[in-house]
Amino acid sequence: MEPRSVNQRHTRGFKRPFNVSSSEGDSSPFSRFHNGRGRGGSAGRCPPFSKRGRLDEYRPQVAEETIPHNTSQETPVNRLKGRNTRPVRNNTHKKGQDVVVILEKAGLLLGNVGLVDAYERAATTEITNASLREVRPDIVHQCLLALCDSNLAHEHRLRIYISMFSCNGKVIEVSPALRPPRTYARFRGLMAALLRDGRVTSTNDEVLMRVMPGSIAPIIPHGADVIGVCNGLTAPVVTASRLAEEAITNPVDDALQGGVKNVASFFCIPCTDDCSLDGIDYVTRTVCLSAYPTTSHVMCARICEGFMRMWSRSKGGECTVENS
């Protein structure tokens, strides 16, 4: 029996019937749906392996060689050439004193399946001590993004140390060339590799982060003032610009015994949810940056912005006090 003839206007969206012979070729009303079978095409509606759009001859041409806009010698060059690295200027270390920021109570704990987060259900089997219930590596990630993306870090005048108070007092030293991962998942993998191997290097074997032996005590000179930024009710409210002005006017004396040198001031910022500095004995005084509760990464950003404002008003890194 011959197949029933089908009108073309009624064939849209129907499958090929079994009784239609394949010898019909292009004359078949269903050929438009099966021309691309077996070739990965788009069912005959468009030519196979082609993209809709303008032709190549109508697309704008790109020059083979382009001249850079800034050809000065101060153009930063990325010597490390890694995913987690950034350019560092060569002549910025001669501008003046640095600012040391200590991220205290960092919730970095290595578990069986990677970095432990208190918000995960699997963390209940890893965290057995009640003092480790506030393990929050996401706060450390936010603080690193705020510090490393600031102008103070780009000017190579910022030193970052991460103190893991809950993990036997270990300290992590962060290189100025570090560019933290943008996503939290990749940050967890990076910190897990750091805690497991003891260091993180770039493609050129440059150390980006390393775990230092001992506590934070060898970093701070004996007798130096350490300003703790928190949300304490009894702490006075001082603006970041005022703290920067005091630090630049009276920097840390290099004649003090031990510790790092060429430092304007030491700041301690807690990486906890309540921003509390309870149990930290090396902090000499505590201040608040606002009359309202402030998160840790906002504290980091305000400290960096305060120093950049004061240094932008002066020349050569020396603060000029304005008469009001």
C-alpha atoms as a PDB file:
ATOM      1  CA  MET A   1       0.000   0.000   0.000  1.00  0.00           C
ATOM      2  CA  GLU A   2       1.378   3.387  -0.922  1.00  0.00           C
ATOM      3  CA  PRO A   3       2.039   5.880   1.883  1.00  0.00           C
ATOM      4  CA  ARG A   4      -0.462   8.598   2.397  1.00  0.00           C
ATOM      5  CA  SER A   5       0.583  11.963   1.050  1.00  0.00           C
ATOM      6  CA  VAL A   6       1.171  14.571   3.725  1.00  0.00           C
ATOM      7  CA  ASN A   7       0.721  18.266   3.215  1.00  0.00           C
ATOM      8  CA  GLN A   8       3.830  20.365   3.969  1.00  0.00           C
ATOM      9  CA  ARG A   9       2.030  22.878   6.091  1.00  0.00           C
ATOM     10  CA  HIS A  10       1.030  20.116   8.531  1.00  0.00           C
ATOM     11  CA  THR A  11       4.502  18.561   8.933  1.00  0.00           C
ATOM     12  CA  ARG A  12       6.065  21.036  11.390  1.00  0.00           C
ATOM     13  CA  GLY A  13       6.942  19.308  14.638  1.00  0.00           C
ATOM     14  CA  PHE A  14       6.053  15.716  13.558  1.00  0.00           C
ATOM     15  CA  LYS A  15       8.451  12.810  13.441  1.00  0.00           C
ATOM     16  CA  ARG A  16       9.305  10.883  10.293  1.00  0.00           C
ATOM     17  CA  PRO A  17       6.766   8.032   9.789  1.00  0.00           C
ATOM     18  CA  PHE A  18       8.067   4.479   9.550  1.00  0.00           C
ATOM     19  CA  ASN A  19       6.339   3.767   6.264  1.00  0.00           C
ATOM     20  CA  VAL A  20       8.104   6.542   4.387  1.00  0.00           C
ATOM     21  CA  SER A  21      11.019   5.250   2.358  1.00  0.00           C
ATOM     22  CA  SER A  22      14.450   6.841   2.720  1.00  0.00           C
ATOM     23  CA  SER A  23      14.750   7.043  -1.054  1.00  0.00           C
ATOM     24  CA  GLU A  24      12.564  10.140  -1.134  1.00  0.00           C
ATOM     25  CA  GLY A  25      15.585  12.342  -0.570  1.00  0.00           C
ATOM     26  CA  ASP A  26      15.062  16.078  -0.566  1.00  0.00           C
ATOM     27  CA  SER A  27      11.595  15.727  -2.086  1.00  0.00           C
ATOM     28  CA  SER A  28      10.257  14.288   1.164  1.00  0.00           C
ATOM     29  CA  PRO A  29       8.287  16.753   3.269  1.00  0.00           C
ATOM     30  CA  PHE A  30      10.269  15.519   6.315  1.00  0.00           C
ATOM     31  CA  SER A  31      13.711  16.044   4.773  1.00  0.00           C
ATOM     32  CA  ARG A  32      14.069  19.450   6.349  1.00  0.00           C
ATOM     33  CA  PHE A  33      14.067  17.792   9.799  1.00  0.00           C
ATOM     34  CA  HIS A  34      16.603  15.046   8.987  1.00  0.00           C
ATOM     35  CA  ASN A  35      19.246  16.633   6.764  1.00  0.00           C
ATOM     36  CA  GLY A  36      21.601  17.026   9.695  1.00  0.00           C
ATOM     37  CA  ARG A  37      21.193  13.502  11.160  1.00  0.00           C
ATOM     38  CA  GLY A  38      24.469  11.887  12.173  1.00  0.00           C
ATOM     39  CA  ARG A  39      26.545  15.006  11.525  1.00  0.00           C
ATOM     40  CA  GLY A  40      25.842  16.987  14.677  1.00  0.00           C
ATOM     41  CA  GLY A  41      23.948  19.643  12.743  1.00  0.00           C
ATOM     42  CA  SER A  42      20.966  21.674  13.825  1.00  0.00           C
ATOM     43  CA  ALA A  43      18.231  19.487  12.229  1.00  0.00           C
ATOM     44  CA  GLY A  44      18.533  21.025   8.781  1.00  0.00           C
ATOM     45  CA  ARG A  45      17.396  24.499   9.761  1.00  0.00           C
ATOM     46  CA  CYS A  46      20.902  25.936   9.565  1.00  0.00           C
ATOM     47  CA  PRO A  47      23.960  24.651   7.691  1.00  0.00           C
ATOM     48  CA  PRO A  48      25.997  22.195   9.793  1.00  0.00           C
ATOM     49  CA  PHE A  49      28.908  23.573  11.827  1.00  0.00           C
ATOM     50  CA  SER A  50      27.898  27.163  11.132  1.00  0.00           C
ATOM     51  CA  LYS A  51      26.933  30.033  13.410  1.00  0.00           C
ATOM     52  CA  ARG A  52      24.323  32.624  12.795  1.00  0.00           C
ATOM     53  CA  GLY A  53      25.524  36.200  12.535  1.00  0.00           C
ATOM     54  CA  ARG A  54      27.414  38.510  10.253  1.00  0.00           C
ATOM     55  CA  LEU A  55      29.943  37.220   7.787  1.00  0.00           C
ATOM     56  CA  ASP A  56      33.650  37.433   8.428  1.00  0.00           C
ATOM     57  CA  GLU A  57      34.201  40.116   5.806  1.00  0.00           C
ATOM     58  CA  TYR A  58      31.857  42.466   7.654  1.00  0.00           C
ATOM     59  CA  ARG A  59      33.498  41.979  11.051  1.00  0.00           C
ATOM     60  CA  PRO A  60      35.913  44.664  12.264  1.00  0.00           C
ATOM     61  CA  GLN A  61      39.558  43.895  11.686  1.00  0.00           C
ATOM     62  CA  VAL A  62      41.995  43.808  14.624  1.00  0.00           C
ATOM     63  CA  ALA A  63      45.423  45.336  14.296  1.00  0.00           C
ATOM     64  CA  GLU A  64      48.334  42.936  14.557  1.00  0.00           C
ATOM     65  CA  GLU A  65      50.468  45.226  16.725  1.00  0.00           C
ATOM     66  CA  THR A  66      49.196  47.738  19.244  1.00  0.00           C
ATOM     67  CA  ILE A  67      51.140  50.447  21.051  1.00  0.00           C
ATOM     68  CA  PRO A  68      50.613  50.532  24.827  1.00  0.00           C
ATOM     69  CA  HIS A  69      49.112  53.704  26.228  1.00  0.00           C
ATOM     70  CA  ASN A  70      51.527  53.948  29.141  1.00  0.00           C
ATOM     71  CA  THR A  71      55.170  53.426  28.234  1.00  0.00           C
ATOM     72  CA  SER A  72      56.697  54.869  31.409  1.00  0.00           C
ATOM     73  CA  GLN A  73      59.146  52.948  33.560  1.00  0.00           C
ATOM     74  CA  GLU A  74      56.643  52.735  36.429  1.00  0.00           C
ATOM     75  CA  THR A  75      54.462  50.245  34.579  1.00  0.00           C
ATOM     76  CA  PRO A  76      54.056  47.253  36.912  1.00  0.00           C
ATOM     77  CA  VAL A  77      55.394  43.988  35.596  1.00  0.00           C
ATOM     78  CA  ASN A  78      54.089  40.677  36.835  1.00  0.00           C
ATOM     79  CA  ARG A  79      57.287  38.772  37.476  1.00  0.00           C
ATOM     80  CA  LEU A  80      55.575  35.788  39.049  1.00  0.00           C
ATOM     81  CA  LYS A  81      53.166  35.090  36.160  1.00  0.00           C
ATOM     82  CA  GLY A  82      50.738  33.045  38.221  1.00  0.00           C
ATOM     83  CA  ARG A  83      46.987  32.927  38.639  1.00  0.00           C
ATOM     84  CA  ASN A  84      47.156  34.083  42.250  1.00  0.00           C
ATOM     85  CA  THR A  85      49.797  36.762  41.693  1.00  0.00           C
ATOM     86  CA  ARG A  86      49.659  40.407  40.710  1.00  0.00           C
ATOM     87  CA  PRO A  87      52.160  43.053  39.524  1.00  0.00           C
ATOM     88  CA  VAL A  88      54.302  44.691  42.191  1.00  0.00           C
ATOM     89  CA  ARG A  89      56.110  47.951  41.510  1.00  0.00           C
ATOM     90  CA  ASN A  90      59.843  47.862  41.970  1.00  0.00           C
ATOM     91  CA  ASN A  91      60.319  51.388  43.337  1.00  0.00           C
ATOM     92  CA  THR A  92      57.562  51.448  45.944  1.00  0.00           C
ATOM     93  CA  HIS A  93      59.519  49.950  48.818  1.00  0.00           C
ATOM     94  CA  LYS A  94      61.512  53.199  49.147  1.00  0.00           C
ATOM     95  CA  LYS A  95      58.514  55.460  49.746  1.00  0.00           C
ATOM     96  CA  GLY A  96      58.160  55.109  53.496  1.00  0.00           C
ATOM     97  CA  GLN A  97      57.096  52.946  56.373  1.00  0.00           C
ATOM     98  CA  ASP A  98      54.708  50.031  56.110  1.00  0.00           C
ATOM     99  CA  VAL A  99      51.498  49.134  57.901  1.00  0.00           C
ATOM    100  CA  VAL A 100      51.239  45.730  59.568  1.00  0.00           C
ATOM    101  CA  VAL A 101      47.782  44.151  59.830  1.00  0.00           C
ATOM    102  CA  ILE A 102      47.366  41.008  61.946  1.00  0.00           C
ATOM    103  CA  LEU A 103      44.233  38.977  61.260  1.00  0.00           C
ATOM    104  CA  GLU A 104      43.645  37.381  64.643  1.00  0.00           C
ATOM    105  CA  LYS A 105      41.498  34.346  65.514  1.00  0.00           C
ATOM    106  CA  ALA A 106      41.482  33.156  61.922  1.00  0.00           C
ATOM    107  CA  GLY A 107      39.215  30.135  61.560  1.00  0.00           C
ATOM    108  CA  LEU A 108      41.466  27.961  59.400  1.00  0.00           C
ATOM    109  CA  LEU A 109      41.258  24.292  60.319  1.00  0.00           C
ATOM    110  CA  LEU A 110      42.255  21.397  58.073  1.00  0.00           C
ATOM    111  CA  GLY A 111      39.922  18.404  58.212  1.00  0.00           C
ATOM    112  CA  ASN A 112      39.670  15.075  56.471  1.00  0.00           C
ATOM    113  CA  VAL A 113      38.032  16.479  53.355  1.00  0.00           C
ATOM    114  CA  GLY A 114      39.698  19.899  53.230  1.00  0.00           C
ATOM    115  CA  LEU A 115      39.157  23.183  55.000  1.00  0.00           C
ATOM    116  CA  VAL A 116      36.534  22.988  57.740  1.00  0.00           C
ATOM    117  CA  ASP A 117      33.638  25.439  57.753  1.00  0.00           C
ATOM    118  CA  ALA A 118      31.352  25.749  60.773  1.00  0.00           C
ATOM    119  CA  TYR A 119      28.328  26.297  58.523  1.00  0.00           C
ATOM    120  CA  GLU A 120      28.585  22.825  57.014  1.00  0.00           C
ATOM    121  CA  ARG A 121      26.998  19.782  58.617  1.00  0.00           C
ATOM    122  CA  ALA A 122      30.153  17.760  58.081  1.00  0.00           C
ATOM    123  CA  ALA A 123      32.017  20.163  60.352  1.00  0.00           C
ATOM    124  CA  THR A 124      30.314  18.767  63.444  1.00  0.00           C
ATOM    125  CA  THR A 125      32.448  15.637  63.196  1.00  0.00           C
ATOM    126  CA  GLU A 126      35.652  17.649  62.776  1.00  0.00           C
ATOM    127  CA  ILE A 127      35.095  20.268  65.462  1.00  0.00           C
ATOM    128  CA  THR A 128      35.120  18.693  68.909  1.00  0.00           C
ATOM    129  CA  ASN A 129      36.181  21.644  71.036  1.00  0.00           C
ATOM    130  CA  ALA A 130      33.562  24.213  72.005  1.00  0.00           C
ATOM    131  CA  SER A 131      36.006  27.067  71.297  1.00  0.00           C
ATOM    132  CA  LEU A 132      36.232  25.999  67.660  1.00  0.00           C
ATOM    133  CA  ARG A 133      32.539  26.378  66.919  1.00  0.00           C
ATOM    134  CA  GLU A 134      33.174  29.748  65.297  1.00  0.00           C
ATOM    135  CA  VAL A 135      35.476  28.446  62.579  1.00  0.00           C
ATOM    136  CA  ARG A 136      34.729  30.896  59.772  1.00  0.00           C
ATOM    137  CA  PRO A 137      37.228  30.795  56.889  1.00  0.00           C
ATOM    138  CA  ASP A 138      34.864  32.920  54.814  1.00  0.00           C
ATOM    139  CA  ILE A 139      35.630  35.921  57.050  1.00  0.00           C
ATOM    140  CA  VAL A 140      39.353  35.420  56.400  1.00  0.00           C
ATOM    141  CA  HIS A 141      38.637  35.358  52.673  1.00  0.00           C
ATOM    142  CA  GLN A 142      36.698  38.625  52.843  1.00  0.00           C
ATOM    143  CA  CYS A 143      39.459  40.316  54.861  1.00  0.00           C
ATOM    144  CA  LEU A 144      42.154  39.221  52.429  1.00  0.00           C
ATOM    145  CA  LEU A 145      40.150  40.541  49.496  1.00  0.00           C
ATOM    146  CA  ALA A 146      39.662  43.895  51.232  1.00  0.00           C
ATOM    147  CA  LEU A 147      43.341  44.199  52.152  1.00  0.00           C
ATOM    148  CA  CYS A 148      44.961  42.952  48.953  1.00  0.00           C
ATOM    149  CA  ASP A 149      42.653  44.960  46.688  1.00  0.00           C
ATOM    150  CA  SER A 150      43.374  48.246  48.469  1.00  0.00           C
ATOM    151  CA  ASN A 151      45.663  50.972  47.178  1.00  0.00           C
ATOM    152  CA  LEU A 152      47.896  50.467  50.192  1.00  0.00           C
ATOM    153  CA  ALA A 153      48.664  46.929  49.062  1.00  0.00           C
ATOM    154  CA  HIS A 154      49.197  47.994  45.454  1.00  0.00           C
ATOM    155  CA  GLU A 155      51.738  50.549  46.700  1.00  0.00           C
ATOM    156  CA  HIS A 156      53.606  47.721  48.439  1.00  0.00           C
ATOM    157  CA  ARG A 157      53.221  49.302  51.894  1.00  0.00           C
ATOM    158  CA  LEU A 158      51.123  46.633  53.586  1.00  0.00           C
ATOM    159  CA  ARG A 159      52.223  43.534  55.496  1.00  0.00           C
ATOM    160  CA  ILE A 160      49.640  40.898  56.353  1.00  0.00           C
ATOM    161  CA  TYR A 161      49.930  38.177  58.970  1.00  0.00           C
ATOM    162  CA  ILE A 162      47.226  35.631  59.762  1.00  0.00           C
ATOM    163  CA  SER A 163      47.253  34.292  63.319  1.00  0.00           C
ATOM    164  CA  MET A 164      45.428  31.000  63.820  1.00  0.00           C
ATOM    165  CA  PHE A 165      44.724  31.381  67.529  1.00  0.00           C
ATOM    166  CA  SER A 166      42.658  28.203  67.651  1.00  0.00           C
ATOM    167  CA  CYS A 167      45.257  26.022  65.888  1.00  0.00           C
ATOM    168  CA  ASN A 168      48.200  26.033  68.308  1.00  0.00           C
ATOM    169  CA  GLY A 169      48.980  29.688  67.563  1.00  0.00           C
ATOM    170  CA  LYS A 170      50.389  29.214  64.061  1.00  0.00           C
ATOM    171  CA  VAL A 171      51.056  32.289  61.924  1.00  0.00           C
ATOM    172  CA  ILE A 172      50.749  32.668  58.149  1.00  0.00           C
ATOM    173  CA  GLU A 173      52.861  35.257  56.365  1.00  0.00           C
ATOM    174  CA  VAL A 174      51.270  36.690  53.218  1.00  0.00           C
ATOM    175  CA  SER A 175      53.415  37.983  50.359  1.00  0.00           C
ATOM    176  CA  PRO A 176      52.597  41.421  48.860  1.00  0.00           C
ATOM    177  CA  ALA A 177      52.393  39.753  45.447  1.00  0.00           C
ATOM    178  CA  LEU A 178      49.473  37.533  46.451  1.00  0.00           C
ATOM    179  CA  ARG A 179      46.187  38.003  44.624  1.00  0.00           C
ATOM    180  CA  PRO A 180      43.562  36.078  46.599  1.00  0.00           C
ATOM    181  CA  PRO A 181      41.108  33.918  44.652  1.00  0.00           C
ATOM    182  CA  ARG A 182      37.859  35.661  43.833  1.00  0.00           C
ATOM    183  CA  THR A 183      35.644  32.696  44.675  1.00  0.00           C
ATOM    184  CA  TYR A 184      35.321  31.097  48.095  1.00  0.00           C
ATOM    185  CA  ALA A 185      35.606  27.543  46.742  1.00  0.00           C
ATOM    186  CA  ARG A 186      39.022  28.201  45.233  1.00  0.00           C
ATOM    187  CA  PHE A 187      40.115  30.005  48.389  1.00  0.00           C
ATOM    188  CA  ARG A 188      39.312  26.916  50.438  1.00  0.00           C
ATOM    189  CA  GLY A 189      41.430  24.782  48.132  1.00  0.00           C
ATOM    190  CA  LEU A 190      44.317  27.243  48.341  1.00  0.00           C
ATOM    191  CA  MET A 191      44.263  27.386  52.142  1.00  0.00           C
ATOM    192  CA  ALA A 192      43.933  23.610  52.397  1.00  0.00           C
ATOM    193  CA  ALA A 193      47.075  23.244  50.283  1.00  0.00           C
ATOM    194  CA  LEU A 194      48.820  25.823  52.478  1.00  0.00           C
ATOM    195  CA  LEU A 195      47.988  24.034  55.730  1.00  0.00           C
ATOM    196  CA  ARG A 196      48.907  20.678  54.244  1.00  0.00           C
ATOM    197  CA  ASP A 197      52.208  21.629  52.562  1.00  0.00           C
ATOM    198  CA  GLY A 198      53.272  24.572  54.712  1.00  0.00           C
ATOM    199  CA  ARG A 199      53.629  26.993  51.788  1.00  0.00           C
ATOM    200  CA  VAL A 200      52.061  28.099  48.529  1.00  0.00           C
ATOM    201  CA  THR A 201      54.320  29.032  45.618  1.00  0.00           C
ATOM    202  CA  SER A 202      53.786  30.554  42.191  1.00  0.00           C
ATOM    203  CA  THR A 203      54.826  29.135  38.836  1.00  0.00           C
ATOM    204  CA  ASN A 204      58.268  30.700  39.345  1.00  0.00           C
ATOM    205  CA  ASP A 205      58.696  29.073  42.780  1.00  0.00           C
ATOM    206  CA  GLU A 206      58.068  32.397  44.529  1.00  0.00           C
ATOM    207  CA  VAL A 207      56.579  31.917  48.004  1.00  0.00           C
ATOM    208  CA  LEU A 208      53.150  33.575  48.182  1.00  0.00           C
ATOM    209  CA  MET A 209      52.127  32.310  51.634  1.00  0.00           C
ATOM    210  CA  ARG A 210      53.972  30.279  54.228  1.00  0.00           C
ATOM    211  CA  VAL A 211      53.295  28.959  57.705  1.00  0.00           C
ATOM    212  CA  MET A 212      55.775  30.428  60.170  1.00  0.00           C
ATOM    213  CA  PRO A 213      56.968  28.453  63.180  1.00  0.00           C
ATOM    214  CA  GLY A 214      55.910  29.819  66.542  1.00  0.00           C
ATOM    215  CA  SER A 215      53.404  32.491  67.469  1.00  0.00           C
ATOM    216  CA  ILE A 216      52.919  36.143  66.561  1.00  0.00           C
ATOM    217  CA  ALA A 217      55.282  37.344  69.326  1.00  0.00           C
ATOM    218  CA  PRO A 218      58.511  37.414  67.225  1.00  0.00           C
ATOM    219  CA  ILE A 219      56.879  39.758  64.706  1.00  0.00           C
ATOM    220  CA  ILE A 220      56.017  42.537  67.169  1.00  0.00           C
ATOM    221  CA  PRO A 221      58.954  44.515  68.665  1.00  0.00           C
ATOM    222  CA  HIS A 222      59.239  44.555  72.427  1.00  0.00           C
ATOM    223  CA  GLY A 223      57.332  47.571  73.740  1.00  0.00           C
ATOM    224  CA  ALA A 224      55.571  48.479  70.485  1.00  0.00           C
ATOM    225  CA  ASP A 225      51.953  49.612  70.533  1.00  0.00           C
ATOM    226  CA  VAL A 226      49.425  47.294  68.911  1.00  0.00           C
ATOM    227  CA  ILE A 227      46.025  48.829  68.168  1.00  0.00           C
ATOM    228  CA  GLY A 228      43.143  46.396  68.330  1.00  0.00           C
ATOM    229  CA  VAL A 229      40.101  47.245  66.208  1.00  0.00           C
ATOM    230  CA  CYS A 230      36.909  45.686  67.562  1.00  0.00           C
ATOM    231  CA  ASN A 231      33.258  46.323  68.398  1.00  0.00           C
ATOM    232  CA  GLY A 232      33.744  46.591  72.145  1.00  0.00           C
ATOM    233  CA  LEU A 233      31.265  48.645  74.141  1.00  0.00           C
ATOM    234  CA  THR A 234      33.988  50.264  76.249  1.00  0.00           C
ATOM    235  CA  ALA A 235      36.354  51.035  73.359  1.00  0.00           C
ATOM    236  CA  PRO A 236      36.461  54.681  72.201  1.00  0.00           C
ATOM    237  CA  VAL A 237      35.352  55.599  68.692  1.00  0.00           C
ATOM    238  CA  VAL A 238      38.274  56.843  66.582  1.00  0.00           C
ATOM    239  CA  THR A 239      38.227  57.406  62.842  1.00  0.00           C
ATOM    240  CA  ALA A 240      40.657  55.611  60.562  1.00  0.00           C
ATOM    241  CA  SER A 241      42.167  58.892  59.361  1.00  0.00           C
ATOM    242  CA  ARG A 242      42.912  59.891  62.960  1.00  0.00           C
ATOM    243  CA  LEU A 243      44.607  56.552  63.633  1.00  0.00           C
ATOM    244  CA  ALA A 244      46.675  56.928  60.479  1.00  0.00           C
ATOM    245  CA  GLU A 245      47.685  60.451  61.435  1.00  0.00           C
ATOM    246  CA  GLU A 246      48.861  59.330  64.868  1.00  0.00           C
ATOM    247  CA  ALA A 247      50.748  56.366  63.407  1.00  0.00           C
ATOM    248  CA  ILE A 248      52.535  58.425  60.773  1.00  0.00           C
ATOM    249  CA  THR A 249      53.422  61.167  63.256  1.00  0.00           C
ATOM    250  CA  ASN A 250      54.710  58.711  65.896  1.00  0.00           C
ATOM    251  CA  PRO A 251      55.800  55.526  64.102  1.00  0.00           C
ATOM    252  CA  VAL A 252      57.232  52.455  65.752  1.00  0.00           C
ATOM    253  CA  ASP A 253      60.829  53.021  66.793  1.00  0.00           C
ATOM    254  CA  ASP A 254      63.290  50.811  64.926  1.00  0.00           C
ATOM    255  CA  ALA A 255      65.529  50.773  68.013  1.00  0.00           C
ATOM    256  CA  LEU A 256      63.107  48.482  69.818  1.00  0.00           C
ATOM    257  CA  GLN A 257      64.346  44.965  70.357  1.00  0.00           C
ATOM    258  CA  GLY A 258      63.106  42.245  68.020  1.00  0.00           C
ATOM    259  CA  GLY A 259      60.233  42.282  65.590  1.00  0.00           C
ATOM    260  CA  VAL A 260      59.964  43.661  62.077  1.00  0.00           C
ATOM    261  CA  LYS A 261      61.394  47.067  61.227  1.00  0.00           C
ATOM    262  CA  ASN A 262      60.327  50.075  59.172  1.00  0.00           C
ATOM    263  CA  VAL A 263      56.742  49.932  60.429  1.00  0.00           C
ATOM    264  CA  ALA A 264      54.361  52.825  61.025  1.00  0.00           C
ATOM    265  CA  SER A 265      51.890  50.942  63.207  1.00  0.00           C
ATOM    266  CA  PHE A 266      50.535  47.511  64.119  1.00  0.00           C
ATOM    267  CA  PHE A 267      46.828  46.752  63.843  1.00  0.00           C
ATOM    268  CA  CYS A 268      45.025  43.670  65.101  1.00  0.00           C
ATOM    269  CA  ILE A 269      41.656  42.835  63.518  1.00  0.00           C
ATOM    270  CA  PRO A 270      39.668  39.765  64.660  1.00  0.00           C
ATOM    271  CA  CYS A 271      38.250  37.421  62.027  1.00  0.00           C
ATOM    272  CA  THR A 272      35.232  36.357  64.040  1.00  0.00           C
ATOM    273  CA  ASP A 273      31.535  37.001  63.766  1.00  0.00           C
ATOM    274  CA  ASP A 274      31.357  39.195  66.881  1.00  0.00           C
ATOM    275  CA  CYS A 275      34.729  40.930  66.224  1.00  0.00           C
ATOM    276  CA  SER A 276      35.903  40.328  69.785  1.00  0.00           C
ATOM    277  CA  LEU A 277      39.511  40.445  70.990  1.00  0.00           C
ATOM    278  CA  ASP A 278      38.984  38.478  74.192  1.00  0.00           C
ATOM    279  CA  GLY A 279      42.061  36.445  75.101  1.00  0.00           C
ATOM    280  CA  ILE A 280      44.535  38.458  72.992  1.00  0.00           C
ATOM    281  CA  ASP A 281      47.195  39.686  75.400  1.00  0.00           C
ATOM    282  CA  TYR A 282      49.565  41.586  73.092  1.00  0.00           C
ATOM    283  CA  VAL A 283      47.028  44.328  72.190  1.00  0.00           C
ATOM    284  CA  THR A 284      47.885  47.552  74.046  1.00  0.00           C
ATOM    285  CA  ARG A 285      44.644  49.445  73.351  1.00  0.00           C
ATOM    286  CA  THR A 286      41.335  48.843  71.602  1.00  0.00           C
ATOM    287  CA  VAL A 287      39.356  51.256  69.442  1.00  0.00           C
ATOM    288  CA  CYS A 288      36.180  51.263  67.364  1.00  0.00           C
ATOM    289  CA  LEU A 289      36.002  52.744  63.891  1.00  0.00           C
ATOM    290  CA  SER A 290      32.281  53.469  64.117  1.00  0.00           C
ATOM    291  CA  ALA A 291      29.549  53.889  66.678  1.00  0.00           C
ATOM    292  CA  TYR A 292      27.723  51.019  64.995  1.00  0.00           C
ATOM    293  CA  PRO A 293      28.831  47.377  64.747  1.00  0.00           C
ATOM    294  CA  THR A 294      31.293  46.870  61.899  1.00  0.00           C
ATOM    295  CA  THR A 295      32.376  43.674  60.182  1.00  0.00           C
ATOM    296  CA  SER A 296      36.000  42.613  59.899  1.00  0.00           C
ATOM    297  CA  HIS A 297      36.480  43.244  56.187  1.00  0.00           C
ATOM    298  CA  VAL A 298      35.050  46.763  56.531  1.00  0.00           C
ATOM    299  CA  MET A 299      37.590  47.454  59.292  1.00  0.00           C
ATOM    300  CA  CYS A 300      40.387  46.338  56.984  1.00  0.00           C
ATOM    301  CA  ALA A 301      39.163  48.539  54.151  1.00  0.00           C
ATOM    302  CA  ARG A 302      38.807  51.608  56.394  1.00  0.00           C
ATOM    303  CA  ILE A 303      42.291  51.243  57.853  1.00  0.00           C
ATOM    304  CA  CYS A 304      43.849  51.077  54.388  1.00  0.00           C
ATOM    305  CA  GLU A 305      41.779  53.990  53.137  1.00  0.00           C
ATOM    306  CA  GLY A 306      42.722  56.119  56.145  1.00  0.00           C
ATOM    307  CA  PHE A 307      46.443  55.703  55.524  1.00  0.00           C
ATOM    308  CA  MET A 308      46.111  56.404  51.813  1.00  0.00           C
ATOM    309  CA  ARG A 309      44.251  59.644  52.547  1.00  0.00           C
ATOM    310  CA  MET A 310      46.923  60.861  54.940  1.00  0.00           C
ATOM    311  CA  TRP A 311      49.785  59.883  52.663  1.00  0.00           C
ATOM    312  CA  SER A 312      48.122  61.550  49.680  1.00  0.00           C
ATOM    313  CA  ARG A 313      48.112  64.879  51.557  1.00  0.00           C
ATOM    314  CA  SER A 314      51.816  64.696  52.295  1.00  0.00           C
ATOM    315  CA  LYS A 315      54.995  64.315  50.307  1.00  0.00           C
ATOM    316  CA  GLY A 316      57.566  61.619  50.831  1.00  0.00           C
ATOM    317  CA  GLY A 317      55.411  59.676  53.296  1.00  0.00           C
ATOM    318  CA  GLU A 318      55.496  62.314  56.064  1.00  0.00           C
ATOM    319  CA  CYS A 319      52.222  63.408  57.589  1.00  0.00           C
ATOM    320  CA  THR A 320      51.311  67.113  57.688  1.00  0.00           C
ATOM    321  CA  VAL A 321      48.849  67.995  60.435  1.00  0.00           C
ATOM    322  CA  GLU A 322      46.286  70.560  59.324  1.00  0.00           C
ATOM    323  CA  ASN A 323      45.428  73.389  61.707  1.00  0.00           C
ATOM    324  CA  SER A 324      41.693  73.445  62.369  1.00  0.00           C
END
